[in-house]
């Protein structure tokens, strides 16, 4: 599963869950607003953590791609150098 699809599903699921929660809330308006406030804070923290995790994985992937590119460049340069001599 791609990270983008996971993140999109996470956001959509949070929104759908929030809407359903509001519609089926057995609490008064004030209580519901308090619960929504707490849940939105939690959702924000979860999204923030997910973004940090995605960024970390992307950074790692970029480092790996850079290493492989550098290795490939060295091999190509070695082949070219051998062909010239």
C-alpha atoms as a PDB file:
ATOM      1  CA  UNK A   1       0.000   0.000   0.000  1.00  0.00           C
ATOM      2  CA  UNK A   2       1.376   3.387  -0.899  1.00  0.00           C
ATOM      3  CA  UNK A   3       1.892   6.003   1.761  1.00  0.00           C
ATOM      4  CA  UNK A   4      -0.273   8.500  -0.115  1.00  0.00           C
ATOM      5  CA  UNK A   5      -3.237   6.132  -0.215  1.00  0.00           C
ATOM      6  CA  UNK A   6      -2.821   5.344   3.469  1.00  0.00           C
ATOM      7  CA  UNK A   7      -2.696   9.030   4.396  1.00  0.00           C
ATOM      8  CA  UNK A   8      -5.729   9.837   2.231  1.00  0.00           C
ATOM      9  CA  UNK A   9      -7.671   6.987   3.819  1.00  0.00           C
ATOM     10  CA  UNK A  10      -6.636   8.174   7.265  1.00  0.00           C
ATOM     11  CA  UNK A  11      -7.913  11.709   6.619  1.00  0.00           C
ATOM     12  CA  UNK A  12     -11.136  10.585   4.943  1.00  0.00           C
ATOM     13  CA  UNK A  13     -11.815   8.061   7.699  1.00  0.00           C
ATOM     14  CA  UNK A  14     -11.318  10.717  10.357  1.00  0.00           C
ATOM     15  CA  UNK A  15     -13.698  13.110   8.646  1.00  0.00           C
ATOM     16  CA  UNK A  16     -16.374  10.470   8.070  1.00  0.00           C
ATOM     17  CA  UNK A  17     -16.061   9.283  11.654  1.00  0.00           C
ATOM     18  CA  UNK A  18     -16.394  12.826  12.936  1.00  0.00           C
ATOM     19  CA  UNK A  19     -19.508  13.496  10.884  1.00  0.00           C
ATOM     20  CA  UNK A  20     -21.155  10.245  11.947  1.00  0.00           C
ATOM     21  CA  UNK A  21     -20.254  10.998  15.548  1.00  0.00           C
ATOM     22  CA  UNK A  22     -21.949  14.387  15.385  1.00  0.00           C
ATOM     23  CA  UNK A  23     -25.066  12.987  13.769  1.00  0.00           C
ATOM     24  CA  UNK A  24     -25.430  10.170  16.282  1.00  0.00           C
ATOM     25  CA  UNK A  25     -24.239  12.059  19.361  1.00  0.00           C
ATOM     26  CA  UNK A  26     -26.282  11.248  22.479  1.00  0.00           C
ATOM     27  CA  UNK A  27     -24.929  14.325  24.288  1.00  0.00           C
ATOM     28  CA  UNK A  28     -26.053  17.928  24.528  1.00  0.00           C
ATOM     29  CA  UNK A  29     -24.639  20.516  22.158  1.00  0.00           C
ATOM     30  CA  UNK A  30     -22.120  21.791  24.692  1.00  0.00           C
ATOM     31  CA  UNK A  31     -20.929  18.290  25.542  1.00  0.00           C
ATOM     32  CA  UNK A  32     -20.721  17.404  21.863  1.00  0.00           C
ATOM     33  CA  UNK A  33     -18.627  20.516  21.143  1.00  0.00           C
ATOM     34  CA  UNK A  34     -16.280  19.604  23.980  1.00  0.00           C
ATOM     35  CA  UNK A  35     -15.917  16.061  22.688  1.00  0.00           C
ATOM     36  CA  UNK A  36     -15.359  17.327  19.138  1.00  0.00           C
ATOM     37  CA  UNK A  37     -12.724  19.730  20.391  1.00  0.00           C
ATOM     38  CA  UNK A  38     -10.871  16.932  22.159  1.00  0.00           C
ATOM     39  CA  UNK A  39     -11.194  14.581  19.196  1.00  0.00           C
ATOM     40  CA  UNK A  40     -10.059  17.200  16.709  1.00  0.00           C
ATOM     41  CA  UNK A  41      -6.977  17.845  18.825  1.00  0.00           C
ATOM     42  CA  UNK A  42      -6.246  14.121  18.838  1.00  0.00           C
ATOM     43  CA  UNK A  43      -6.851  13.879  15.097  1.00  0.00           C
ATOM     44  CA  UNK A  44      -4.483  16.805  14.522  1.00  0.00           C
ATOM     45  CA  UNK A  45      -1.775  15.132  16.612  1.00  0.00           C
ATOM     46  CA  UNK A  46      -2.249  11.836  14.756  1.00  0.00           C
ATOM     47  CA  UNK A  47      -2.070  13.588  11.389  1.00  0.00           C
ATOM     48  CA  UNK A  48       1.037  15.464  12.492  1.00  0.00           C
ATOM     49  CA  UNK A  49       2.693  12.204  13.577  1.00  0.00           C
ATOM     50  CA  UNK A  50       1.728  10.541  10.296  1.00  0.00           C
ATOM     51  CA  UNK A  51       3.199  13.423   8.316  1.00  0.00           C
ATOM     52  CA  UNK A  52       6.447  13.202  10.284  1.00  0.00           C
ATOM     53  CA  UNK A  53       6.609   9.450   9.659  1.00  0.00           C
ATOM     54  CA  UNK A  54       5.954   9.918   5.945  1.00  0.00           C
ATOM     55  CA  UNK A  55       8.627  12.624   5.761  1.00  0.00           C
ATOM     56  CA  UNK A  56      11.111  10.371   7.534  1.00  0.00           C
ATOM     57  CA  UNK A  57      10.423   7.503   5.131  1.00  0.00           C
ATOM     58  CA  UNK A  58      10.697   9.839   2.146  1.00  0.00           C
ATOM     59  CA  UNK A  59      14.029  11.195   3.411  1.00  0.00           C
ATOM     60  CA  UNK A  60      15.342   7.651   3.862  1.00  0.00           C
ATOM     61  CA  UNK A  61      14.184   6.665   0.382  1.00  0.00           C
ATOM     62  CA  UNK A  62      15.871   9.716  -1.128  1.00  0.00           C
ATOM     63  CA  UNK A  63      19.133   8.876   0.647  1.00  0.00           C
ATOM     64  CA  UNK A  64      18.990   5.333  -0.725  1.00  0.00           C
ATOM     65  CA  UNK A  65      18.277   6.581  -4.237  1.00  0.00           C
ATOM     66  CA  UNK A  66      21.184   9.024  -3.954  1.00  0.00           C
ATOM     67  CA  UNK A  67      23.546   6.237  -2.832  1.00  0.00           C
ATOM     68  CA  UNK A  68      22.481   3.969  -5.688  1.00  0.00           C
ATOM     69  CA  UNK A  69      22.844   6.826  -8.158  1.00  0.00           C
ATOM     70  CA  UNK A  70      26.330   7.590  -6.886  1.00  0.00           C
ATOM     71  CA  UNK A  71      27.300   3.907  -7.161  1.00  0.00           C
ATOM     72  CA  UNK A  72      25.939   3.721 -10.699  1.00  0.00           C
ATOM     73  CA  UNK A  73      27.813   6.893 -11.677  1.00  0.00           C
ATOM     74  CA  UNK A  74      31.085   5.428 -10.366  1.00  0.00           C
ATOM     75  CA  UNK A  75      30.551   2.213 -12.330  1.00  0.00           C
ATOM     76  CA  UNK A  76      29.788   4.111 -15.526  1.00  0.00           C
ATOM     77  CA  UNK A  77      32.858   6.295 -15.027  1.00  0.00           C
ATOM     78  CA  UNK A  78      35.009   3.176 -14.491  1.00  0.00           C
ATOM     79  CA  UNK A  79      33.679   1.574 -17.701  1.00  0.00           C
ATOM     80  CA  UNK A  80      34.298   4.777 -19.657  1.00  0.00           C
ATOM     81  CA  UNK A  81      37.791   5.070 -18.200  1.00  0.00           C
ATOM     82  CA  UNK A  82      38.620   1.463 -19.147  1.00  0.00           C
ATOM     83  CA  UNK A  83      37.297   1.961 -22.668  1.00  0.00           C
ATOM     84  CA  UNK A  84      39.435   5.069 -23.175  1.00  0.00           C
ATOM     85  CA  UNK A  85      42.672   3.292 -22.272  1.00  0.00           C
END
